[in-house]
C-alpha atoms as a PDB file:
ATOM      1  CA  UNK A   1      40.054   2.187  18.861  1.00  0.00           C
ATOM      2  CA  UNK A   2      37.892   5.236  18.125  1.00  0.00           C
ATOM      3  CA  UNK A   3      37.010   3.828  14.725  1.00  0.00           C
ATOM      4  CA  UNK A   4      35.696   0.624  16.299  1.00  0.00           C
ATOM      5  CA  UNK A   5      33.650   2.615  18.804  1.00  0.00           C
ATOM      6  CA  UNK A   6      32.157   4.780  16.050  1.00  0.00           C
ATOM      7  CA  UNK A   7      31.426   1.705  13.960  1.00  0.00           C
ATOM      8  CA  UNK A   8      29.648   0.048  16.898  1.00  0.00           C
ATOM      9  CA  UNK A   9      27.654   3.237  17.553  1.00  0.00           C
ATOM     10  CA  UNK A  10      26.641   3.358  13.909  1.00  0.00           C
ATOM     11  CA  UNK A  11      25.544  -0.284  13.998  1.00  0.00           C
ATOM     12  CA  UNK A  12      23.507   0.284  17.155  1.00  0.00           C
ATOM     13  CA  UNK A  13      21.901   3.380  15.660  1.00  0.00           C
ATOM     14  CA  UNK A  14      21.026   1.442  12.514  1.00  0.00           C
ATOM     15  CA  UNK A  15      19.494  -1.381  14.562  1.00  0.00           C
ATOM     16  CA  UNK A  16      17.450   1.110  16.541  1.00  0.00           C
ATOM     17  CA  UNK A  17      16.335   2.884  13.370  1.00  0.00           C
ATOM     18  CA  UNK A  18      15.271  -0.444  11.860  1.00  0.00           C
ATOM     19  CA  UNK A  19      13.354  -1.303  15.016  1.00  0.00           C
ATOM     20  CA  UNK A  20      11.580   2.059  15.018  1.00  0.00           C
ATOM     21  CA  UNK A  21      10.774   1.762  11.319  1.00  0.00           C
ATOM     22  CA  UNK A  22       9.295  -1.686  11.888  1.00  0.00           C
ATOM     23  CA  UNK A  23       7.124  -0.388  14.733  1.00  0.00           C
ATOM     24  CA  UNK A  24       6.068   2.578  12.604  1.00  0.00           C
ATOM     25  CA  UNK A  25       5.011   0.331   9.721  1.00  0.00           C
ATOM     26  CA  UNK A  26       3.044  -1.897  12.104  1.00  0.00           C
ATOM     27  CA  UNK A  27       1.213   1.039  13.677  1.00  0.00           C
ATOM     28  CA  UNK A  28       0.605   2.606  10.265  1.00  0.00           C
ATOM     29  CA  UNK A  29      -0.965  -0.658   9.074  1.00  0.00           C
ATOM     30  CA  UNK A  30      -3.125  -0.826  12.204  1.00  0.00           C
ATOM     31  CA  UNK A  31      -4.233   2.770  11.614  1.00  0.00           C
ATOM     32  CA  UNK A  32      -5.217   2.003   8.024  1.00  0.00           C
ATOM     33  CA  UNK A  33      -7.252  -0.990   9.195  1.00  0.00           C
ATOM     34  CA  UNK A  34      -8.948   1.101  11.899  1.00  0.00           C
ATOM     35  CA  UNK A  35      -9.805   3.814   9.363  1.00  0.00           C
ATOM     36  CA  UNK A  36     -11.294   1.183   7.083  1.00  0.00           C
ATOM     37  CA  UNK A  37     -13.413  -0.208   9.931  1.00  0.00           C
ATOM     38  CA  UNK A  38     -14.527   3.332  10.808  1.00  0.00           C
ATOM     39  CA  UNK A  39     -15.557   3.967   7.197  1.00  0.00           C
ATOM     40  CA  UNK A  40     -17.569   0.747   7.155  1.00  0.00           C
ATOM     41  CA  UNK A  41     -19.253   1.627  10.452  1.00  0.00           C
ATOM     42  CA  UNK A  42     -20.049   5.125   9.211  1.00  0.00           C
ATOM     43  CA  UNK A  43     -21.597   3.703   6.056  1.00  0.00           C
ATOM     44  CA  UNK A  44     -23.740   1.351   8.131  1.00  0.00           C
ATOM     45  CA  UNK A  45     -24.882   4.205  10.375  1.00  0.00           C
ATOM     46  CA  UNK A  46     -25.829   6.313   7.363  1.00  0.00           C
ATOM     47  CA  UNK A  47     -27.786   3.408   5.863  1.00  0.00           C
ATOM     48  CA  UNK A  48     -29.664   2.890   9.126  1.00  0.00           C
ATOM     49  CA  UNK A  49     -30.410   6.609   9.397  1.00  0.00           C
ATOM     50  CA  UNK A  50     -31.741   6.659   5.854  1.00  0.00           C
ATOM     51  CA  UNK A  51     -33.822   3.559   6.545  1.00  0.00           C
ATOM     52  CA  UNK A  52     -35.203   5.117   9.725  1.00  0.00           C
ATOM     53  CA  UNK A  53     -36.096   8.325   7.863  1.00  0.00           C
ATOM     54  CA  UNK A  54     -37.809   6.342   5.128  1.00  0.00           C
ATOM     55  CA  UNK A  55     -39.729   4.291   7.686  1.00  0.00           C
ATOM     56  CA  UNK A  56     -40.796   7.444   9.517  1.00  0.00           C
ATOM     57  CA  UNK A  57     -42.091   9.014   6.306  1.00  0.00           C
ATOM     58  CA  UNK A  58     -44.070   5.898   5.487  1.00  0.00           C
ATOM     59  CA  UNK A  59     -45.847   6.009   8.835  1.00  0.00           C
ATOM     60  CA  UNK A  60     -46.818   9.648   8.389  1.00  0.00           C
ATOM     61  CA  UNK A  61     -48.358   8.958   5.009  1.00  0.00           C
ATOM     62  CA  UNK A  62     -50.205   5.868   6.252  1.00  0.00           C
ATOM     63  CA  UNK A  63     -51.775   7.764   9.147  1.00  0.00           C
END
């Protein structure tokens, strides 16, 4: 009887481990996507800053 109980415990532990691993992979994928979106947003901000600086310099020269 103990063997059956241990076997059932092992199966439950394996199921739980698989569930946790699946959740981990999902969250890891979501994190990678969020980091990619953040990189894109940062690039856009830097482009706008550079454009604003260039526009500001042009106005100073024109005046």
